[in-house]
Amino acid sequence: LDKGISLLDKAMEELKAQGKSQLDGVQ
């Protein structure tokens, strides 16, 4: 769980920086 949440948090930070609002289905 800890590793998964860390990866998800990182992915959402990248989305925010890119101005996007949707997480890729592959991720």
PDB file of all heavy atoms in Angstrom:
ATOM      1  N   LEU A   1       0.815  -1.213   0.000  1.00  0.00           N
ATOM      2  CA  LEU A   1       0.000   0.000   0.000  1.00  0.00           C
ATOM      3  C   LEU A   1       0.850   1.265   0.000  1.00  0.00           C
ATOM      4  O   LEU A   1       0.596   2.201  -0.762  1.00  0.00           O
ATOM      5  CB  LEU A   1      -0.940  -0.005   1.210  1.00  0.00           C
ATOM      6  CG  LEU A   1      -1.880   1.199   1.356  1.00  0.00           C
ATOM      7  CD1 LEU A   1      -2.803   1.296   0.155  1.00  0.00           C
ATOM      8  CD2 LEU A   1      -2.700   1.087   2.643  1.00  0.00           C
ATOM      9  N   ASP A   2       1.878   1.303   0.836  1.00  0.00           N
ATOM     10  CA  ASP A   2       2.713   2.493   0.946  1.00  0.00           C
ATOM     11  C   ASP A   2       3.372   2.829  -0.383  1.00  0.00           C
ATOM     12  O   ASP A   2       3.368   3.978  -0.833  1.00  0.00           O
ATOM     13  CB  ASP A   2       3.772   2.288   2.031  1.00  0.00           C
ATOM     14  CG  ASP A   2       4.615   3.536   2.241  1.00  0.00           C
ATOM     15  OD1 ASP A   2       4.046   4.571   2.636  1.00  0.00           O
ATOM     16  OD2 ASP A   2       5.832   3.489   1.991  1.00  0.00           O
ATOM     17  N   LYS A   3       3.927   1.806  -1.044  1.00  0.00           N
ATOM     18  CA  LYS A   3       4.585   2.018  -2.335  1.00  0.00           C
ATOM     19  C   LYS A   3       3.569   2.474  -3.386  1.00  0.00           C
ATOM     20  O   LYS A   3       3.837   3.402  -4.164  1.00  0.00           O
ATOM     21  CB  LYS A   3       5.255   0.712  -2.784  1.00  0.00           C
ATOM     22  CG  LYS A   3       5.974   0.799  -4.125  1.00  0.00           C
ATOM     23  CD  LYS A   3       7.150   1.736  -4.090  1.00  0.00           C
ATOM     24  CE  LYS A   3       7.932   1.696  -5.392  1.00  0.00           C
ATOM     25  NZ  LYS A   3       9.032   2.684  -5.424  1.00  0.00           N
ATOM     26  N   GLY A   4       2.403   1.849  -3.393  1.00  0.00           N
ATOM     27  CA  GLY A   4       1.378   2.218  -4.373  1.00  0.00           C
ATOM     28  C   GLY A   4       0.894   3.640  -4.190  1.00  0.00           C
ATOM     29  O   GLY A   4       0.733   4.393  -5.166  1.00  0.00           O
ATOM     30  N   ILE A   5       0.655   4.048  -2.939  1.00  0.00           N
ATOM     31  CA  ILE A   5       0.197   5.415  -2.679  1.00  0.00           C
ATOM     32  C   ILE A   5       1.273   6.415  -3.079  1.00  0.00           C
ATOM     33  O   ILE A   5       0.977   7.479  -3.641  1.00  0.00           O
ATOM     34  CB  ILE A   5      -0.185   5.569  -1.188  1.00  0.00           C
ATOM     35  CG1 ILE A   5      -1.502   4.840  -0.914  1.00  0.00           C
ATOM     36  CG2 ILE A   5      -0.312   7.036  -0.812  1.00  0.00           C
ATOM     37  CD1 ILE A   5      -1.957   4.912   0.526  1.00  0.00           C
ATOM     38  N   SER A   6       2.549   6.088  -2.815  1.00  0.00           N
ATOM     39  CA  SER A   6       3.648   6.973  -3.205  1.00  0.00           C
ATOM     40  C   SER A   6       3.667   7.185  -4.711  1.00  0.00           C
ATOM     41  O   SER A   6       3.832   8.307  -5.199  1.00  0.00           O
ATOM     42  CB  SER A   6       4.996   6.399  -2.737  1.00  0.00           C
ATOM     43  OG  SER A   6       5.047   6.336  -1.333  1.00  0.00           O
ATOM     44  N   LEU A   7       3.503   6.096  -5.469  1.00  0.00           N
ATOM     45  CA  LEU A   7       3.487   6.204  -6.924  1.00  0.00           C
ATOM     46  C   LEU A   7       2.281   7.012  -7.411  1.00  0.00           C
ATOM     47  O   LEU A   7       2.397   7.819  -8.336  1.00  0.00           O
ATOM     48  CB  LEU A   7       3.457   4.803  -7.545  1.00  0.00           C
ATOM     49  CG  LEU A   7       4.749   3.993  -7.445  1.00  0.00           C
ATOM     50  CD1 LEU A   7       4.537   2.576  -7.968  1.00  0.00           C
ATOM     51  CD2 LEU A   7       5.853   4.669  -8.252  1.00  0.00           C
ATOM     52  N   LEU A   8       1.130   6.792  -6.777  1.00  0.00           N
ATOM     53  CA  LEU A   8      -0.064   7.527  -7.171  1.00  0.00           C
ATOM     54  C   LEU A   8       0.076   9.010  -6.840  1.00  0.00           C
ATOM     55  O   LEU A   8      -0.309   9.877  -7.638  1.00  0.00           O
ATOM     56  CB  LEU A   8      -1.296   6.930  -6.483  1.00  0.00           C
ATOM     57  CG  LEU A   8      -2.664   7.474  -6.894  1.00  0.00           C
ATOM     58  CD1 LEU A   8      -2.848   7.445  -8.402  1.00  0.00           C
ATOM     59  CD2 LEU A   8      -3.780   6.669  -6.213  1.00  0.00           C
ATOM     60  N   ASP A   9       0.643   9.318  -5.681  1.00  0.00           N
ATOM     61  CA  ASP A   9       0.874  10.720  -5.313  1.00  0.00           C
ATOM     62  C   ASP A   9       1.795  11.401  -6.319  1.00  0.00           C
ATOM     63  O   ASP A   9       1.552  12.543  -6.743  1.00  0.00           O
ATOM     64  CB  ASP A   9       1.484  10.811  -3.910  1.00  0.00           C
ATOM     65  CG  ASP A   9       0.471  10.527  -2.813  1.00  0.00           C
ATOM     66  OD1 ASP A   9      -0.741  10.588  -3.104  1.00  0.00           O
ATOM     67  OD2 ASP A   9       0.892  10.242  -1.676  1.00  0.00           O
ATOM     68  N   LYS A  10       2.857  10.688  -6.712  1.00  0.00           N
ATOM     69  CA  LYS A  10       3.801  11.243  -7.676  1.00  0.00           C
ATOM     70  C   LYS A  10       3.122  11.488  -9.024  1.00  0.00           C
ATOM     71  O   LYS A  10       3.328  12.525  -9.666  1.00  0.00           O
ATOM     72  CB  LYS A  10       4.984  10.289  -7.851  1.00  0.00           C
ATOM     73  CG  LYS A  10       6.057  10.806  -8.791  1.00  0.00           C
ATOM     74  CD  LYS A  10       7.208   9.825  -8.913  1.00  0.00           C
ATOM     75  CE  LYS A  10       8.268  10.349  -9.889  1.00  0.00           C
ATOM     76  NZ  LYS A  10       9.387   9.377 -10.055  1.00  0.00           N
ATOM     77  N   ALA A  11       2.283  10.525  -9.434  1.00  0.00           N
ATOM     78  CA  ALA A  11       1.573  10.661 -10.710  1.00  0.00           C
ATOM     79  C   ALA A  11       0.635  11.864 -10.683  1.00  0.00           C
ATOM     80  O   ALA A  11       0.526  12.609 -11.667  1.00  0.00           O
ATOM     81  CB  ALA A  11       0.795   9.380 -11.015  1.00  0.00           C
ATOM     82  N   MET A  12      -0.056  12.065  -9.554  1.00  0.00           N
ATOM     83  CA  MET A  12      -0.970  13.202  -9.457  1.00  0.00           C
ATOM     84  C   MET A  12      -0.223  14.532  -9.420  1.00  0.00           C
ATOM     85  O   MET A  12      -0.701  15.533  -9.949  1.00  0.00           O
ATOM     86  CB  MET A  12      -1.868  13.036  -8.213  1.00  0.00           C
ATOM     87  CG  MET A  12      -2.900  11.918  -8.357  1.00  0.00           C
ATOM     88  SD  MET A  12      -4.126  11.857  -7.029  1.00  0.00           S
ATOM     89  CE  MET A  12      -3.107  11.376  -5.623  1.00  0.00           C
ATOM     90  N   GLU A  13       0.970  14.547  -8.817  1.00  0.00           N
ATOM     91  CA  GLU A  13       1.787  15.760  -8.825  1.00  0.00           C
ATOM     92  C   GLU A  13       2.191  16.120 -10.254  1.00  0.00           C
ATOM     93  O   GLU A  13       2.179  17.293 -10.645  1.00  0.00           O
ATOM     94  CB  GLU A  13       3.038  15.544  -7.969  1.00  0.00           C
ATOM     95  CG  GLU A  13       2.780  15.545  -6.477  1.00  0.00           C
ATOM     96  CD  GLU A  13       4.032  15.215  -5.680  1.00  0.00           C
ATOM     97  OE1 GLU A  13       5.134  15.198  -6.288  1.00  0.00           O
ATOM     98  OE2 GLU A  13       3.925  14.974  -4.470  1.00  0.00           O
ATOM     99  N   GLU A  14       2.557  15.101 -11.036  1.00  0.00           N
ATOM    100  CA  GLU A  14       2.933  15.330 -12.431  1.00  0.00           C
ATOM    101  C   GLU A  14       1.739  15.830 -13.236  1.00  0.00           C
ATOM    102  O   GLU A  14       1.870  16.723 -14.086  1.00  0.00           O
ATOM    103  CB  GLU A  14       3.493  14.043 -13.037  1.00  0.00           C
ATOM    104  CG  GLU A  14       4.823  13.621 -12.445  1.00  0.00           C
ATOM    105  CD  GLU A  14       5.299  12.273 -12.964  1.00  0.00           C
ATOM    106  OE1 GLU A  14       4.528  11.617 -13.730  1.00  0.00           O
ATOM    107  OE2 GLU A  14       6.417  11.857 -12.620  1.00  0.00           O
ATOM    108  N   LEU A  15       0.569  15.270 -12.992  1.00  0.00           N
ATOM    109  CA  LEU A  15      -0.634  15.734 -13.686  1.00  0.00           C
ATOM    110  C   LEU A  15      -0.907  17.197 -13.373  1.00  0.00           C
ATOM    111  O   LEU A  15      -1.251  17.988 -14.259  1.00  0.00           O
ATOM    112  CB  LEU A  15      -1.841  14.873 -13.277  1.00  0.00           C
ATOM    113  CG  LEU A  15      -1.894  13.438 -13.796  1.00  0.00           C
ATOM    114  CD1 LEU A  15      -3.088  12.701 -13.184  1.00  0.00           C
ATOM    115  CD2 LEU A  15      -1.985  13.408 -15.317  1.00  0.00           C
ATOM    116  N   LYS A  16      -0.752  17.544 -12.097  1.00  0.00           N
ATOM    117  CA  LYS A  16      -1.007  18.923 -11.678  1.00  0.00           C
ATOM    118  C   LYS A  16      -0.028  19.873 -12.365  1.00  0.00           C
ATOM    119  O   LYS A  16      -0.417  20.950 -12.837  1.00  0.00           O
ATOM    120  CB  LYS A  16      -0.879  19.024 -10.157  1.00  0.00           C
ATOM    121  CG  LYS A  16      -1.335  20.359  -9.590  1.00  0.00           C
ATOM    122  CD  LYS A  16      -1.316  20.319  -8.061  1.00  0.00           C
ATOM    123  CE  LYS A  16      -1.824  21.645  -7.493  1.00  0.00           C
ATOM    124  NZ  LYS A  16      -1.828  21.625  -6.002  1.00  0.00           N
ATOM    125  N   ALA A  17       1.245  19.466 -12.439  1.00  0.00           N
ATOM    126  CA  ALA A  17       2.269  20.307 -13.076  1.00  0.00           C
ATOM    127  C   ALA A  17       1.994  20.481 -14.567  1.00  0.00           C
ATOM    128  O   ALA A  17       2.306  21.521 -15.159  1.00  0.00           O
ATOM    129  CB  ALA A  17       3.651  19.692 -12.853  1.00  0.00           C
ATOM    130  N   GLN A  18       1.407  19.447 -15.177  1.00  0.00           N
ATOM    131  CA  GLN A  18       1.111  19.486 -16.613  1.00  0.00           C
ATOM    132  C   GLN A  18      -0.247  20.115 -16.912  1.00  0.00           C
ATOM    133  O   GLN A  18      -0.619  20.257 -18.080  1.00  0.00           O
ATOM    134  CB  GLN A  18       1.157  18.065 -17.186  1.00  0.00           C
ATOM    135  CG  GLN A  18       2.521  17.393 -17.088  1.00  0.00           C
ATOM    136  CD  GLN A  18       2.452  15.894 -17.367  1.00  0.00           C
ATOM    137  OE1 GLN A  18       1.393  15.365 -17.709  1.00  0.00           O
ATOM    138  NE2 GLN A  18       3.569  15.216 -17.200  1.00  0.00           N
ATOM    139  N   GLY A  19      -0.981  20.454 -15.874  1.00  0.00           N
ATOM    140  CA  GLY A  19      -2.296  21.053 -16.063  1.00  0.00           C
ATOM    141  C   GLY A  19      -3.340  20.055 -16.524  1.00  0.00           C
ATOM    142  O   GLY A  19      -4.348  20.448 -17.127  1.00  0.00           O
ATOM    143  N   LYS A  20      -3.124  18.783 -16.231  1.00  0.00           N
ATOM    144  CA  LYS A  20      -4.061  17.738 -16.634  1.00  0.00           C
ATOM    145  C   LYS A  20      -4.913  17.311 -15.448  1.00  0.00           C
ATOM    146  O   LYS A  20      -4.531  17.496 -14.289  1.00  0.00           O
ATOM    147  CB  LYS A  20      -3.312  16.533 -17.209  1.00  0.00           C
ATOM    148  CG  LYS A  20      -2.526  16.838 -18.468  1.00  0.00           C
ATOM    149  CD  LYS A  20      -1.804  15.592 -18.980  1.00  0.00           C
ATOM    150  CE  LYS A  20      -1.020  15.896 -20.248  1.00  0.00           C
ATOM    151  NZ  LYS A  20      -0.278  14.680 -20.736  1.00  0.00           N
ATOM    152  N   SER A  21      -6.052  16.701 -15.739  1.00  0.00           N
ATOM    153  CA  SER A  21      -6.971  16.322 -14.658  1.00  0.00           C
ATOM    154  C   SER A  21      -7.331  14.845 -14.665  1.00  0.00           C
ATOM    155  O   SER A  21      -8.140  14.405 -13.853  1.00  0.00           O
ATOM    156  CB  SER A  21      -8.264  17.143 -14.753  1.00  0.00           C
ATOM    157  OG  SER A  21      -8.915  16.887 -15.992  1.00  0.00           O
ATOM    158  N   GLN A  22      -6.714  14.067 -15.590  1.00  0.00           N
ATOM    159  CA  GLN A  22      -7.080  12.648 -15.688  1.00  0.00           C
ATOM    160  C   GLN A  22      -5.838  11.765 -15.619  1.00  0.00           C
ATOM    161  O   GLN A  22      -4.868  11.980 -16.340  1.00  0.00           O
ATOM    162  CB  GLN A  22      -7.836  12.371 -16.985  1.00  0.00           C
ATOM    163  CG  GLN A  22      -8.380  10.937 -17.062  1.00  0.00           C
ATOM    164  CD  GLN A  22      -9.248  10.708 -18.276  1.00  0.00           C
ATOM    165  OE1 GLN A  22      -8.779  10.776 -19.407  1.00  0.00           O
ATOM    166  NE2 GLN A  22     -10.537  10.434 -18.051  1.00  0.00           N
ATOM    167  N   LEU A  23      -5.904  10.750 -14.739  1.00  0.00           N
ATOM    168  CA  LEU A  23      -4.818   9.780 -14.622  1.00  0.00           C
ATOM    169  C   LEU A  23      -4.898   8.783 -15.766  1.00  0.00           C
ATOM    170  O   LEU A  23      -5.968   8.272 -16.096  1.00  0.00           O
ATOM    171  CB  LEU A  23      -4.913   9.039 -13.280  1.00  0.00           C
ATOM    172  CG  LEU A  23      -3.836   7.977 -13.028  1.00  0.00           C
ATOM    173  CD1 LEU A  23      -2.491   8.639 -12.749  1.00  0.00           C
ATOM    174  CD2 LEU A  23      -4.237   7.069 -11.868  1.00  0.00           C
ATOM    175  N   ASP A  24      -3.755   8.499 -16.365  1.00  0.00           N
ATOM    176  CA  ASP A  24      -3.680   7.544 -17.471  1.00  0.00           C
ATOM    177  C   ASP A  24      -4.153   6.163 -17.022  1.00  0.00           C
ATOM    178  O   ASP A  24      -3.801   5.697 -15.945  1.00  0.00           O
ATOM    179  CB  ASP A  24      -2.224   7.473 -17.953  1.00  0.00           C
ATOM    180  CG  ASP A  24      -2.097   6.708 -19.254  1.00  0.00           C
ATOM    181  OD1 ASP A  24      -2.322   5.480 -19.225  1.00  0.00           O
ATOM    182  OD2 ASP A  24      -1.792   7.320 -20.283  1.00  0.00           O
ATOM    183  N   GLY A  25      -4.936   5.503 -17.879  1.00  0.00           N
ATOM    184  CA  GLY A  25      -5.434   4.165 -17.556  1.00  0.00           C
ATOM    185  C   GLY A  25      -4.339   3.139 -17.427  1.00  0.00           C
ATOM    186  O   GLY A  25      -4.476   2.147 -16.688  1.00  0.00           O
ATOM    187  N   VAL A  26      -3.209   3.345 -18.132  1.00  0.00           N
ATOM    188  CA  VAL A  26      -2.071   2.424 -18.036  1.00  0.00           C
ATOM    189  C   VAL A  26      -1.490   2.461 -16.630  1.00  0.00           C
ATOM    190  O   VAL A  26      -1.158   1.432 -16.046  1.00  0.00           O
ATOM    191  CB  VAL A  26      -0.997   2.774 -19.088  1.00  0.00           C
ATOM    192  CG1 VAL A  26       0.233   1.880 -18.913  1.00  0.00           C
ATOM    193  CG2 VAL A  26      -1.558   2.632 -20.496  1.00  0.00           C
ATOM    194  N   GLN A  27      -1.352   3.683 -16.070  1.00  0.00           N
ATOM    195  CA  GLN A  27      -0.834   3.810 -14.705  1.00  0.00           C
ATOM    196  C   GLN A  27      -1.807   3.213 -13.694  1.00  0.00           C
ATOM    197  O   GLN A  27      -1.389   2.555 -12.724  1.00  0.00           O
ATOM    198  CB  GLN A  27      -0.592   5.288 -14.385  1.00  0.00           C
ATOM    199  CG  GLN A  27       0.562   5.910 -15.156  1.00  0.00           C
ATOM    200  CD  GLN A  27       0.717   7.384 -14.858  1.00  0.00           C
ATOM    201  OE1 GLN A  27      -0.146   8.192 -15.199  1.00  0.00           O
ATOM    202  NE2 GLN A  27       1.813   7.756 -14.217  1.00  0.00           N
TER     203      GLN A  27
END
